[in-house]
PDB file of all heavy atoms in Angstrom:
ATOM      1  N   LEU A   1       0.847  -1.183  -0.009  1.00  0.00           N
ATOM      2  CA  LEU A   1      -0.001   0.000   0.006  1.00  0.00           C
ATOM      3  C   LEU A   1       0.874   1.241   0.003  1.00  0.00           C
ATOM      4  O   LEU A   1       1.928   1.260   0.632  1.00  0.00           O
ATOM      5  CB  LEU A   1      -0.884   0.045   1.254  1.00  0.00           C
ATOM      6  CG  LEU A   1      -1.794  -1.125   1.547  1.00  0.00           C
ATOM      7  CD1 LEU A   1      -2.332  -1.056   2.946  1.00  0.00           C
ATOM      8  CD2 LEU A   1      -2.908  -1.145   0.534  1.00  0.00           C
ATOM      9  N   LEU A   2       0.398   2.260  -0.670  1.00  0.00           N
ATOM     10  CA  LEU A   2       1.061   3.585  -0.612  1.00  0.00           C
ATOM     11  C   LEU A   2       0.088   4.574  -0.080  1.00  0.00           C
ATOM     12  O   LEU A   2      -1.012   4.743  -0.611  1.00  0.00           O
ATOM     13  CB  LEU A   2       1.517   4.010  -2.034  1.00  0.00           C
ATOM     14  CG  LEU A   2       1.968   5.464  -2.191  1.00  0.00           C
ATOM     15  CD1 LEU A   2       3.224   5.713  -1.340  1.00  0.00           C
ATOM     16  CD2 LEU A   2       2.207   5.810  -3.633  1.00  0.00           C
ATOM     17  N   ASN A   3       0.454   5.220   1.029  1.00  0.00           N
ATOM     18  CA  ASN A   3      -0.326   6.351   1.537  1.00  0.00           C
ATOM     19  C   ASN A   3       0.103   7.552   0.700  1.00  0.00           C
ATOM     20  O   ASN A   3       1.206   8.110   0.900  1.00  0.00           O
ATOM     21  CB  ASN A   3      -0.062   6.559   3.020  1.00  0.00           C
ATOM     22  CG  ASN A   3      -0.904   7.649   3.600  1.00  0.00           C
ATOM     23  OD1 ASN A   3      -1.246   8.611   2.927  1.00  0.00           O
ATOM     24  ND2 ASN A   3      -1.255   7.504   4.880  1.00  0.00           N
ATOM     25  N   GLU A   4      -0.737   7.976  -0.213  1.00  0.00           N
ATOM     26  CA  GLU A   4      -0.360   9.058  -1.137  1.00  0.00           C
ATOM     27  C   GLU A   4      -0.202  10.388  -0.435  1.00  0.00           C
ATOM     28  O   GLU A   4       0.468  11.276  -0.953  1.00  0.00           O
ATOM     29  CB  GLU A   4      -1.360   9.109  -2.285  1.00  0.00           C
ATOM     30  CG  GLU A   4      -1.312   7.896  -3.178  1.00  0.00           C
ATOM     31  CD  GLU A   4      -2.342   7.913  -4.270  1.00  0.00           C
ATOM     32  OE1 GLU A   4      -3.371   8.565  -4.132  1.00  0.00           O
ATOM     33  OE2 GLU A   4      -2.110   7.240  -5.290  1.00  0.00           O
ATOM     34  N   ARG A   5      -0.841  10.537   0.744  1.00  0.00           N
ATOM     35  CA  ARG A   5      -0.678  11.810   1.483  1.00  0.00           C
ATOM     36  C   ARG A   5       0.697  11.934   2.134  1.00  0.00           C
ATOM     37  O   ARG A   5       1.262  13.008   2.161  1.00  0.00           O
ATOM     38  CB  ARG A   5      -1.755  11.916   2.556  1.00  0.00           C
ATOM     39  CG  ARG A   5      -3.171  12.106   1.995  1.00  0.00           C
ATOM     40  CD  ARG A   5      -4.181  12.314   3.107  1.00  0.00           C
ATOM     41  NE  ARG A   5      -4.123  11.312   4.154  1.00  0.00           N
ATOM     42  CZ  ARG A   5      -4.856  10.225   4.207  1.00  0.00           C
ATOM     43  NH1 ARG A   5      -5.736   9.981   3.285  1.00  0.00           N
ATOM     44  NH2 ARG A   5      -4.740   9.368   5.203  1.00  0.00           N
ATOM     45  N   THR A   6       1.213  10.810   2.634  1.00  0.00           N
ATOM     46  CA  THR A   6       2.465  10.828   3.378  1.00  0.00           C
ATOM     47  C   THR A   6       3.641  10.309   2.560  1.00  0.00           C
ATOM     48  O   THR A   6       4.810  10.552   2.935  1.00  0.00           O
ATOM     49  CB  THR A   6       2.383  10.012   4.678  1.00  0.00           C
ATOM     50  OG1 THR A   6       2.175   8.660   4.332  1.00  0.00           O
ATOM     51  CG2 THR A   6       1.235  10.507   5.552  1.00  0.00           C
ATOM     52  N   GLY A   7       3.366   9.511   1.522  1.00  0.00           N
ATOM     53  CA  GLY A   7       4.415   8.889   0.749  1.00  0.00           C
ATOM     54  C   GLY A   7       4.995   7.647   1.383  1.00  0.00           C
ATOM     55  O   GLY A   7       5.951   7.072   0.895  1.00  0.00           O
ATOM     56  N   ARG A   8       4.357   7.186   2.481  1.00  0.00           N
ATOM     57  CA  ARG A   8       4.835   5.972   3.169  1.00  0.00           C
ATOM     58  C   ARG A   8       4.231   4.727   2.532  1.00  0.00           C
ATOM     59  O   ARG A   8       3.067   4.697   2.130  1.00  0.00           O
ATOM     60  CB  ARG A   8       4.456   6.025   4.646  1.00  0.00           C
ATOM     61  CG  ARG A   8       5.238   7.109   5.364  1.00  0.00           C
ATOM     62  CD  ARG A   8       5.043   7.030   6.832  1.00  0.00           C
ATOM     63  NE  ARG A   8       5.683   5.824   7.340  1.00  0.00           N
ATOM     64  CZ  ARG A   8       5.583   5.388   8.573  1.00  0.00           C
ATOM     65  NH1 ARG A   8       4.857   6.047   9.439  1.00  0.00           N
ATOM     66  NH2 ARG A   8       6.189   4.302   8.947  1.00  0.00           N
ATOM     67  N   TYR A   9       5.029   3.673   2.476  1.00  0.00           N
ATOM     68  CA  TYR A   9       4.623   2.368   1.982  1.00  0.00           C
ATOM     69  C   TYR A   9       4.327   1.430   3.134  1.00  0.00           C
ATOM     70  O   TYR A   9       4.982   1.492   4.177  1.00  0.00           O
ATOM     71  CB  TYR A   9       5.724   1.732   1.108  1.00  0.00           C
ATOM     72  CG  TYR A   9       5.831   2.330  -0.255  1.00  0.00           C
ATOM     73  CD1 TYR A   9       6.685   3.402  -0.464  1.00  0.00           C
ATOM     74  CD2 TYR A   9       5.090   1.830  -1.309  1.00  0.00           C
ATOM     75  CE1 TYR A   9       6.800   3.945  -1.741  1.00  0.00           C
ATOM     76  CE2 TYR A   9       5.212   2.373  -2.573  1.00  0.00           C
ATOM     77  CZ  TYR A   9       6.055   3.415  -2.773  1.00  0.00           C
ATOM     78  OH  TYR A   9       6.166   3.976  -4.021  1.00  0.00           O
ATOM     79  N   TRP A  10       3.372   0.527   2.921  1.00  0.00           N
ATOM     80  CA  TRP A  10       3.030  -0.475   3.922  1.00  0.00           C
ATOM     81  C   TRP A  10       2.908  -1.793   3.177  1.00  0.00           C
ATOM     82  O   TRP A  10       2.413  -1.867   2.054  1.00  0.00           O
ATOM     83  CB  TRP A  10       1.663  -0.160   4.561  1.00  0.00           C
ATOM     84  CG  TRP A  10       1.695   1.165   5.269  1.00  0.00           C
ATOM     85  CD1 TRP A  10       1.480   2.400   4.741  1.00  0.00           C
ATOM     86  CD2 TRP A  10       2.061   1.382   6.616  1.00  0.00           C
ATOM     87  NE1 TRP A  10       1.663   3.343   5.665  1.00  0.00           N
ATOM     88  CE2 TRP A  10       2.006   2.766   6.856  1.00  0.00           C
ATOM     89  CE3 TRP A  10       2.378   0.530   7.675  1.00  0.00           C
ATOM     90  CZ2 TRP A  10       2.279   3.322   8.079  1.00  0.00           C
ATOM     91  CZ3 TRP A  10       2.669   1.086   8.894  1.00  0.00           C
ATOM     92  CH2 TRP A  10       2.605   2.464   9.098  1.00  0.00           C
ATOM     93  N   GLN A  11       3.384  -2.872   3.824  1.00  0.00           N
ATOM     94  CA  GLN A  11       3.280  -4.196   3.225  1.00  0.00           C
ATOM     95  C   GLN A  11       2.434  -5.101   4.096  1.00  0.00           C
ATOM     96  O   GLN A  11       2.629  -5.162   5.318  1.00  0.00           O
ATOM     97  CB  GLN A  11       4.666  -4.815   3.021  1.00  0.00           C
ATOM     98  CG  GLN A  11       4.591  -6.139   2.319  1.00  0.00           C
ATOM     99  CD  GLN A  11       5.965  -6.649   1.952  1.00  0.00           C
ATOM    100  OE1 GLN A  11       6.956  -5.961   2.094  1.00  0.00           O
ATOM    101  NE2 GLN A  11       6.000  -7.860   1.416  1.00  0.00           N
ATOM    102  N   LEU A  12       1.472  -5.762   3.488  1.00  0.00           N
ATOM    103  CA  LEU A  12       0.617  -6.728   4.187  1.00  0.00           C
ATOM    104  C   LEU A  12       0.911  -8.110   3.647  1.00  0.00           C
ATOM    105  O   LEU A  12       1.137  -8.259   2.438  1.00  0.00           O
ATOM    106  CB  LEU A  12      -0.846  -6.383   3.907  1.00  0.00           C
ATOM    107  CG  LEU A  12      -1.348  -5.025   4.338  1.00  0.00           C
ATOM    108  CD1 LEU A  12      -2.783  -4.817   3.837  1.00  0.00           C
ATOM    109  CD2 LEU A  12      -1.309  -4.914   5.860  1.00  0.00           C
ATOM    110  N   ASN A  13       0.849  -9.102   4.501  1.00  0.00           N
ATOM    111  CA  ASN A  13       0.975 -10.464   4.006  1.00  0.00           C
ATOM    112  C   ASN A  13      -0.316 -10.825   3.273  1.00  0.00           C
ATOM    113  O   ASN A  13      -1.233 -10.009   3.168  1.00  0.00           O
ATOM    114  CB  ASN A  13       1.309 -11.431   5.153  1.00  0.00           C
ATOM    115  CG  ASN A  13       0.219 -11.553   6.182  1.00  0.00           C
ATOM    116  OD1 ASN A  13      -0.953 -11.215   5.953  1.00  0.00           O
ATOM    117  ND2 ASN A  13       0.577 -12.048   7.354  1.00  0.00           N
ATOM    118  N   ALA A  14      -0.397 -12.048   2.753  1.00  0.00           N
ATOM    119  CA  ALA A  14      -1.553 -12.440   1.929  1.00  0.00           C
ATOM    120  C   ALA A  14      -2.854 -12.328   2.723  1.00  0.00           C
ATOM    121  O   ALA A  14      -3.859 -11.826   2.171  1.00  0.00           O
ATOM    122  CB  ALA A  14      -1.360 -13.854   1.393  1.00  0.00           C
ATOM    123  N   THR A  15      -2.853 -12.735   3.951  1.00  0.00           N
ATOM    124  CA  THR A  15      -4.072 -12.642   4.755  1.00  0.00           C
ATOM    125  C   THR A  15      -4.438 -11.194   5.030  1.00  0.00           C
ATOM    126  O   THR A  15      -5.625 -10.813   4.949  1.00  0.00           O
ATOM    127  CB  THR A  15      -3.936 -13.429   6.065  1.00  0.00           C
ATOM    128  OG1 THR A  15      -3.633 -14.803   5.758  1.00  0.00           O
ATOM    129  CG2 THR A  15      -5.194 -13.368   6.910  1.00  0.00           C
ATOM    130  N   GLY A  16      -3.460 -10.363   5.343  1.00  0.00           N
ATOM    131  CA  GLY A  16      -3.740  -8.949   5.539  1.00  0.00           C
ATOM    132  C   GLY A  16      -4.295  -8.297   4.284  1.00  0.00           C
ATOM    133  O   GLY A  16      -5.200  -7.460   4.376  1.00  0.00           O
ATOM    134  N   GLY A  17      -3.780  -8.717   3.150  1.00  0.00           N
ATOM    135  CA  GLY A  17      -4.302  -8.208   1.892  1.00  0.00           C
ATOM    136  C   GLY A  17      -5.746  -8.598   1.673  1.00  0.00           C
ATOM    137  O   GLY A  17      -6.577  -7.817   1.186  1.00  0.00           O
ATOM    138  N   GLN A  18      -6.080  -9.825   2.066  1.00  0.00           N
ATOM    139  CA  GLN A  18      -7.462 -10.288   1.944  1.00  0.00           C
ATOM    140  C   GLN A  18      -8.387  -9.503   2.880  1.00  0.00           C
ATOM    141  O   GLN A  18      -9.513  -9.145   2.509  1.00  0.00           O
ATOM    142  CB  GLN A  18      -7.575 -11.793   2.254  1.00  0.00           C
ATOM    143  CG  GLN A  18      -6.893 -12.639   1.175  1.00  0.00           C
ATOM    144  CD  GLN A  18      -6.774 -14.089   1.605  1.00  0.00           C
ATOM    145  OE1 GLN A  18      -6.937 -14.466   2.752  1.00  0.00           O
ATOM    146  NE2 GLN A  18      -6.439 -14.926   0.631  1.00  0.00           N
ATOM    147  N   VAL A  19      -7.910  -9.220   4.091  1.00  0.00           N
ATOM    148  CA  VAL A  19      -8.674  -8.431   5.042  1.00  0.00           C
ATOM    149  C   VAL A  19      -8.939  -7.051   4.441  1.00  0.00           C
ATOM    150  O   VAL A  19     -10.080  -6.566   4.457  1.00  0.00           O
ATOM    151  CB  VAL A  19      -7.968  -8.330   6.405  1.00  0.00           C
ATOM    152  CG1 VAL A  19      -8.641  -7.298   7.311  1.00  0.00           C
ATOM    153  CG2 VAL A  19      -7.904  -9.668   7.078  1.00  0.00           C
ATOM    154  N   LEU A  20      -7.918  -6.457   3.878  1.00  0.00           N
ATOM    155  CA  LEU A  20      -8.066  -5.115   3.294  1.00  0.00           C
ATOM    156  C   LEU A  20      -9.078  -5.129   2.141  1.00  0.00           C
ATOM    157  O   LEU A  20      -9.958  -4.300   2.086  1.00  0.00           O
ATOM    158  CB  LEU A  20      -6.724  -4.639   2.737  1.00  0.00           C
ATOM    159  CG  LEU A  20      -6.771  -3.309   1.962  1.00  0.00           C
ATOM    160  CD1 LEU A  20      -7.230  -2.146   2.827  1.00  0.00           C
ATOM    161  CD2 LEU A  20      -5.436  -3.043   1.299  1.00  0.00           C
ATOM    162  N   ARG A  21      -8.972  -6.090   1.231  1.00  0.00           N
ATOM    163  CA  ARG A  21      -9.896  -6.178   0.083  1.00  0.00           C
ATOM    164  C   ARG A  21     -11.337  -6.328   0.571  1.00  0.00           C
ATOM    165  O   ARG A  21     -12.247  -5.708   0.045  1.00  0.00           O
ATOM    166  CB  ARG A  21      -9.508  -7.292  -0.829  1.00  0.00           C
ATOM    167  CG  ARG A  21      -8.335  -6.925  -1.759  1.00  0.00           C
ATOM    168  CD  ARG A  21      -8.087  -7.983  -2.821  1.00  0.00           C
ATOM    169  NE  ARG A  21      -7.614  -9.244  -2.294  1.00  0.00           N
ATOM    170  CZ  ARG A  21      -6.383  -9.468  -1.831  1.00  0.00           C
ATOM    171  NH1 ARG A  21      -5.479  -8.499  -1.848  1.00  0.00           N
ATOM    172  NH2 ARG A  21      -6.044 -10.660  -1.376  1.00  0.00           N
ATOM    173  N   GLN A  22     -11.525  -7.163   1.596  1.00  0.00           N
ATOM    174  CA  GLN A  22     -12.880  -7.342   2.106  1.00  0.00           C
ATOM    175  C   GLN A  22     -13.425  -6.105   2.777  1.00  0.00           C
ATOM    176  O   GLN A  22     -14.606  -5.775   2.638  1.00  0.00           O
ATOM    177  CB  GLN A  22     -12.925  -8.566   3.053  1.00  0.00           C
ATOM    178  CG  GLN A  22     -12.732  -9.869   2.286  1.00  0.00           C
ATOM    179  CD  GLN A  22     -12.821 -11.070   3.196  1.00  0.00           C
ATOM    180  OE1 GLN A  22     -13.515 -11.037   4.217  1.00  0.00           O
ATOM    181  NE2 GLN A  22     -12.144 -12.128   2.821  1.00  0.00           N
ATOM    182  N   LEU A  23     -12.560  -5.388   3.489  1.00  0.00           N
ATOM    183  CA  LEU A  23     -12.991  -4.092   4.062  1.00  0.00           C
ATOM    184  C   LEU A  23     -13.404  -3.136   2.970  1.00  0.00           C
ATOM    185  O   LEU A  23     -14.426  -2.475   3.075  1.00  0.00           O
ATOM    186  CB  LEU A  23     -11.838  -3.473   4.870  1.00  0.00           C
ATOM    187  CG  LEU A  23     -11.598  -3.919   6.276  1.00  0.00           C
ATOM    188  CD1 LEU A  23     -10.350  -3.262   6.830  1.00  0.00           C
ATOM    189  CD2 LEU A  23     -12.799  -3.583   7.142  1.00  0.00           C
ATOM    190  N   LEU A  24     -12.607  -3.054   1.935  1.00  0.00           N
ATOM    191  CA  LEU A  24     -12.884  -2.127   0.848  1.00  0.00           C
ATOM    192  C   LEU A  24     -14.170  -2.524   0.082  1.00  0.00           C
ATOM    193  O   LEU A  24     -14.830  -1.681  -0.502  1.00  0.00           O
ATOM    194  CB  LEU A  24     -11.708  -2.051  -0.130  1.00  0.00           C
ATOM    195  CG  LEU A  24     -10.436  -1.455   0.455  1.00  0.00           C
ATOM    196  CD1 LEU A  24      -9.300  -1.521  -0.574  1.00  0.00           C
ATOM    197  CD2 LEU A  24     -10.660  -0.001   0.926  1.00  0.00           C
ATOM    198  N   ASP A  25     -14.522  -3.829   0.164  1.00  0.00           N
ATOM    199  CA  ASP A  25     -15.748  -4.303  -0.467  1.00  0.00           C
ATOM    200  C   ASP A  25     -16.950  -4.124   0.441  1.00  0.00           C
ATOM    201  O   ASP A  25     -18.070  -4.500   0.105  1.00  0.00           O
ATOM    202  CB  ASP A  25     -15.626  -5.794  -0.837  1.00  0.00           C
ATOM    203  CG  ASP A  25     -14.741  -6.013  -2.063  1.00  0.00           C
ATOM    204  OD1 ASP A  25     -14.487  -5.063  -2.816  1.00  0.00           O
ATOM    205  OD2 ASP A  25     -14.310  -7.163  -2.237  1.00  0.00           O
ATOM    206  N   GLY A  26     -16.730  -3.536   1.638  1.00  0.00           N
ATOM    207  CA  GLY A  26     -17.826  -3.222   2.544  1.00  0.00           C
ATOM    208  C   GLY A  26     -18.159  -4.269   3.590  1.00  0.00           C
ATOM    209  O   GLY A  26     -19.169  -4.166   4.288  1.00  0.00           O
ATOM    210  N   HIS A  27     -17.320  -5.312   3.712  1.00  0.00           N
ATOM    211  CA  HIS A  27     -17.587  -6.359   4.689  1.00  0.00           C
ATOM    212  C   HIS A  27     -17.203  -5.878   6.097  1.00  0.00           C
ATOM    213  O   HIS A  27     -16.270  -5.108   6.247  1.00  0.00           O
ATOM    214  CB  HIS A  27     -16.829  -7.629   4.342  1.00  0.00           C
ATOM    215  CG  HIS A  27     -17.216  -8.180   3.016  1.00  0.00           C
ATOM    216  ND1 HIS A  27     -18.387  -8.844   2.785  1.00  0.00           N
ATOM    217  CD2 HIS A  27     -16.580  -8.161   1.826  1.00  0.00           C
ATOM    218  CE1 HIS A  27     -18.464  -9.212   1.514  1.00  0.00           C
ATOM    219  NE2 HIS A  27     -17.357  -8.809   0.907  1.00  0.00           N
ATOM    220  N   GLU A  28     -17.933  -6.374   7.093  1.00  0.00           N
ATOM    221  CA  GLU A  28     -17.665  -6.027   8.478  1.00  0.00           C
ATOM    222  C   GLU A  28     -16.665  -7.015   9.073  1.00  0.00           C
ATOM    223  O   GLU A  28     -16.519  -8.154   8.620  1.00  0.00           O
ATOM    224  CB  GLU A  28     -18.968  -6.074   9.252  1.00  0.00           C
ATOM    225  CG  GLU A  28     -20.005  -5.092   8.787  1.00  0.00           C
ATOM    226  CD  GLU A  28     -19.668  -3.653   9.097  1.00  0.00           C
ATOM    227  OE1 GLU A  28     -18.996  -3.428  10.122  1.00  0.00           O
ATOM    228  OE2 GLU A  28     -20.074  -2.765   8.325  1.00  0.00           O
ATOM    229  N   ALA A  29     -15.987  -6.586  10.149  1.00  0.00           N
ATOM    230  CA  ALA A  29     -14.932  -7.386  10.787  1.00  0.00           C
ATOM    231  C   ALA A  29     -15.422  -8.792  11.176  1.00  0.00           C
ATOM    232  O   ALA A  29     -14.679  -9.775  10.946  1.00  0.00           O
ATOM    233  CB  ALA A  29     -14.366  -6.647  11.989  1.00  0.00           C
ATOM    234  N   PRO A  30     -16.616  -8.971  11.771  1.00  0.00           N
ATOM    235  CA  PRO A  30     -17.015 -10.350  12.136  1.00  0.00           C
ATOM    236  C   PRO A  30     -17.090 -11.289  10.929  1.00  0.00           C
ATOM    237  O   PRO A  30     -16.672 -12.467  11.054  1.00  0.00           O
ATOM    238  CB  PRO A  30     -18.391 -10.156  12.782  1.00  0.00           C
ATOM    239  CG  PRO A  30     -18.352  -8.748  13.293  1.00  0.00           C
ATOM    240  CD  PRO A  30     -17.567  -7.983  12.271  1.00  0.00           C
ATOM    241  N   ARG A  31     -17.600 -10.800   9.817  1.00  0.00           N
ATOM    242  CA  ARG A  31     -17.676 -11.660   8.627  1.00  0.00           C
ATOM    243  C   ARG A  31     -16.282 -11.971   8.111  1.00  0.00           C
ATOM    244  O   ARG A  31     -16.004 -13.108   7.714  1.00  0.00           O
ATOM    245  CB  ARG A  31     -18.501 -10.979   7.553  1.00  0.00           C
ATOM    246  CG  ARG A  31     -18.541 -11.783   6.275  1.00  0.00           C
ATOM    247  CD  ARG A  31     -19.395 -11.134   5.225  1.00  0.00           C
ATOM    248  NE  ARG A  31     -19.294 -11.867   3.977  1.00  0.00           N
ATOM    249  CZ  ARG A  31     -19.920 -11.517   2.868  1.00  0.00           C
ATOM    250  NH1 ARG A  31     -20.700 -10.495   2.867  1.00  0.00           N
ATOM    251  NH2 ARG A  31     -19.758 -12.230   1.771  1.00  0.00           N
ATOM    252  N   ILE A  32     -15.418 -10.989   8.108  1.00  0.00           N
ATOM    253  CA  ILE A  32     -14.027 -11.204   7.645  1.00  0.00           C
ATOM    254  C   ILE A  32     -13.348 -12.236   8.525  1.00  0.00           C
ATOM    255  O   ILE A  32     -12.699 -13.152   8.029  1.00  0.00           O
ATOM    256  CB  ILE A  32     -13.245  -9.872   7.619  1.00  0.00           C
ATOM    257  CG1 ILE A  32     -13.878  -8.879   6.645  1.00  0.00           C
ATOM    258  CG2 ILE A  32     -11.780 -10.142   7.266  1.00  0.00           C
ATOM    259  CD1 ILE A  32     -13.342  -7.469   6.742  1.00  0.00           C
ATOM    260  N   ALA A  33     -13.521 -12.099   9.842  1.00  0.00           N
ATOM    261  CA  ALA A  33     -12.878 -13.035  10.765  1.00  0.00           C
ATOM    262  C   ALA A  33     -13.415 -14.468  10.551  1.00  0.00           C
ATOM    263  O   ALA A  33     -12.634 -15.424  10.577  1.00  0.00           O
ATOM    264  CB  ALA A  33     -13.130 -12.587  12.212  1.00  0.00           C
ATOM    265  N   ALA A  34     -14.723 -14.590  10.313  1.00  0.00           N
ATOM    266  CA  ALA A  34     -15.269 -15.922  10.085  1.00  0.00           C
ATOM    267  C   ALA A  34     -14.668 -16.565   8.826  1.00  0.00           C
ATOM    268  O   ALA A  34     -14.363 -17.740   8.803  1.00  0.00           O
ATOM    269  CB  ALA A  34     -16.792 -15.824   9.984  1.00  0.00           C
ATOM    270  N   GLU A  35     -14.494 -15.751   7.799  1.00  0.00           N
ATOM    271  CA  GLU A  35     -13.901 -16.274   6.567  1.00  0.00           C
ATOM    272  C   GLU A  35     -12.439 -16.649   6.769  1.00  0.00           C
ATOM    273  O   GLU A  35     -11.965 -17.668   6.265  1.00  0.00           O
ATOM    274  CB  GLU A  35     -14.053 -15.251   5.446  1.00  0.00           C
ATOM    275  CG  GLU A  35     -15.487 -15.119   4.991  1.00  0.00           C
ATOM    276  CD  GLU A  35     -15.682 -14.104   3.874  1.00  0.00           C
ATOM    277  OE1 GLU A  35     -14.709 -13.763   3.172  1.00  0.00           O
ATOM    278  OE2 GLU A  35     -16.809 -13.656   3.712  1.00  0.00           O
ATOM    279  N   VAL A  36     -11.718 -15.847   7.512  1.00  0.00           N
ATOM    280  CA  VAL A  36     -10.291 -16.134   7.795  1.00  0.00           C
ATOM    281  C   VAL A  36     -10.199 -17.439   8.610  1.00  0.00           C
ATOM    282  O   VAL A  36      -9.376 -18.310   8.326  1.00  0.00           O
ATOM    283  CB  VAL A  36      -9.611 -14.970   8.535  1.00  0.00           C
ATOM    284  CG1 VAL A  36      -8.259 -15.382   9.102  1.00  0.00           C
ATOM    285  CG2 VAL A  36      -9.431 -13.769   7.611  1.00  0.00           C
ATOM    286  N   ALA A  37     -11.055 -17.565   9.633  1.00  0.00           N
ATOM    287  CA  ALA A  37     -11.053 -18.789  10.446  1.00  0.00           C
ATOM    288  C   ALA A  37     -11.326 -20.031   9.627  1.00  0.00           C
ATOM    289  O   ALA A  37     -10.633 -21.033   9.762  1.00  0.00           O
ATOM    290  CB  ALA A  37     -12.082 -18.661  11.561  1.00  0.00           C
TER     291      ALA A  37
END
């Protein structure tokens, strides 16, 4: 990830990336956690 405001980069592992994509798709934390589990 690149924070375009600050210029800082962030790296997520594969699971973190999946969490991010699901958040961006509008899913709530409990649903994301159930899918990860």
